[in-house]
Amino acid sequence: MTDALKKLVEAARHVQPSPEHREEQRRSFAYGNTHFENRLITREMVDRQADKLAKEQDEHRGA
């Protein structure tokens, strides 16, 4: 491993993703795994369900 790559890897260890980035990655992971099993699954479907779940969680917390 080159010194430049070592520095990049070390820097990456300390990066804290934003909540928005984590959500984007979570949805991408969900899409990739579900679409692999069922080609009819779309990113839009994953987004709709994720938004629905987030809304339900917000309502539950506020209750």
C-alpha atoms as a PDB file:
ATOM      1  CA  MET A   1       0.000   0.000   0.000  1.00  0.00           C
ATOM      2  CA  THR A   2       1.408   3.381  -0.962  1.00  0.00           C
ATOM      3  CA  ASP A   3       1.860   6.161   1.575  1.00  0.00           C
ATOM      4  CA  ALA A   4      -0.824   8.226  -0.176  1.00  0.00           C
ATOM      5  CA  LEU A   5      -3.312   5.374   0.066  1.00  0.00           C
ATOM      6  CA  LYS A   6      -2.429   4.780   3.723  1.00  0.00           C
ATOM      7  CA  LYS A   7      -3.149   8.455   4.458  1.00  0.00           C
ATOM      8  CA  LEU A   8      -6.499   8.279   2.668  1.00  0.00           C
ATOM      9  CA  VAL A   9      -7.514   5.126   4.528  1.00  0.00           C
ATOM     10  CA  GLU A  10      -6.554   6.681   7.845  1.00  0.00           C
ATOM     11  CA  ALA A  11      -8.489   9.858   7.054  1.00  0.00           C
ATOM     12  CA  ALA A  12     -11.539   7.803   6.056  1.00  0.00           C
ATOM     13  CA  ARG A  13     -11.549   6.108   9.455  1.00  0.00           C
ATOM     14  CA  HIS A  14     -12.350   9.425  11.106  1.00  0.00           C
ATOM     15  CA  VAL A  15     -15.099  10.621   8.776  1.00  0.00           C
ATOM     16  CA  GLN A  16     -18.546  10.851  10.332  1.00  0.00           C
ATOM     17  CA  PRO A  17     -21.290  10.680   7.698  1.00  0.00           C
ATOM     18  CA  SER A  18     -24.166  13.114   8.004  1.00  0.00           C
ATOM     19  CA  PRO A  19     -27.616  11.749   8.854  1.00  0.00           C
ATOM     20  CA  GLU A  20     -28.661  12.531   5.272  1.00  0.00           C
ATOM     21  CA  HIS A  21     -25.765  10.541   3.858  1.00  0.00           C
ATOM     22  CA  ARG A  22     -26.499   7.604   6.160  1.00  0.00           C
ATOM     23  CA  GLU A  23     -30.140   7.598   5.018  1.00  0.00           C
ATOM     24  CA  GLU A  24     -29.055   7.730   1.376  1.00  0.00           C
ATOM     25  CA  GLN A  25     -26.748   4.760   1.933  1.00  0.00           C
ATOM     26  CA  ARG A  26     -29.453   2.845   3.821  1.00  0.00           C
ATOM     27  CA  ARG A  27     -31.914   3.289   0.963  1.00  0.00           C
ATOM     28  CA  SER A  28     -29.311   2.332  -1.606  1.00  0.00           C
ATOM     29  CA  PHE A  29     -28.541  -0.838   0.339  1.00  0.00           C
ATOM     30  CA  ALA A  30     -32.252  -1.692   0.630  1.00  0.00           C
ATOM     31  CA  TYR A  31     -32.779  -1.128  -3.087  1.00  0.00           C
ATOM     32  CA  GLY A  32     -29.752  -3.157  -4.102  1.00  0.00           C
ATOM     33  CA  ASN A  33     -30.739  -6.137  -1.997  1.00  0.00           C
ATOM     34  CA  THR A  34     -34.422  -6.141  -2.881  1.00  0.00           C
ATOM     35  CA  HIS A  35     -33.931  -5.426  -6.590  1.00  0.00           C
ATOM     36  CA  PHE A  36     -31.476  -8.298  -6.785  1.00  0.00           C
ATOM     37  CA  GLU A  37     -34.225 -10.663  -5.634  1.00  0.00           C
ATOM     38  CA  ASN A  38     -37.126  -8.969  -7.438  1.00  0.00           C
ATOM     39  CA  ARG A  39     -36.446  -6.906 -10.564  1.00  0.00           C
ATOM     40  CA  LEU A  40     -39.862  -5.230 -10.218  1.00  0.00           C
ATOM     41  CA  ILE A  41     -38.619  -3.259  -7.172  1.00  0.00           C
ATOM     42  CA  THR A  42     -37.710   0.331  -8.050  1.00  0.00           C
ATOM     43  CA  ARG A  43     -35.818   3.045  -6.204  1.00  0.00           C
ATOM     44  CA  GLU A  44     -39.050   5.007  -6.062  1.00  0.00           C
ATOM     45  CA  MET A  45     -40.738   2.136  -4.237  1.00  0.00           C
ATOM     46  CA  VAL A  46     -37.928   2.011  -1.697  1.00  0.00           C
ATOM     47  CA  ASP A  47     -38.103   5.793  -1.231  1.00  0.00           C
ATOM     48  CA  ARG A  48     -41.881   5.717  -0.721  1.00  0.00           C
ATOM     49  CA  GLN A  49     -41.626   3.001   1.906  1.00  0.00           C
ATOM     50  CA  ALA A  50     -38.713   4.686   3.685  1.00  0.00           C
ATOM     51  CA  ASP A  51     -40.644   7.978   3.778  1.00  0.00           C
ATOM     52  CA  LYS A  52     -43.737   6.171   5.071  1.00  0.00           C
ATOM     53  CA  LEU A  53     -41.734   4.462   7.824  1.00  0.00           C
ATOM     54  CA  ALA A  54     -40.077   7.743   8.825  1.00  0.00           C
ATOM     55  CA  LYS A  55     -43.473   9.448   9.045  1.00  0.00           C
ATOM     56  CA  GLU A  56     -44.863   6.625  11.168  1.00  0.00           C
ATOM     57  CA  GLN A  57     -41.856   6.809  13.494  1.00  0.00           C
ATOM     58  CA  ASP A  58     -42.288  10.583  13.838  1.00  0.00           C
ATOM     59  CA  GLU A  59     -45.981  10.155  14.646  1.00  0.00           C
ATOM     60  CA  HIS A  60     -45.193   7.443  17.176  1.00  0.00           C
ATOM     61  CA  ARG A  61     -42.583   9.612  18.909  1.00  0.00           C
ATOM     62  CA  GLY A  62     -44.997  12.535  19.099  1.00  0.00           C
ATOM     63  CA  ALA A  63     -47.833  10.446  20.553  1.00  0.00           C
END
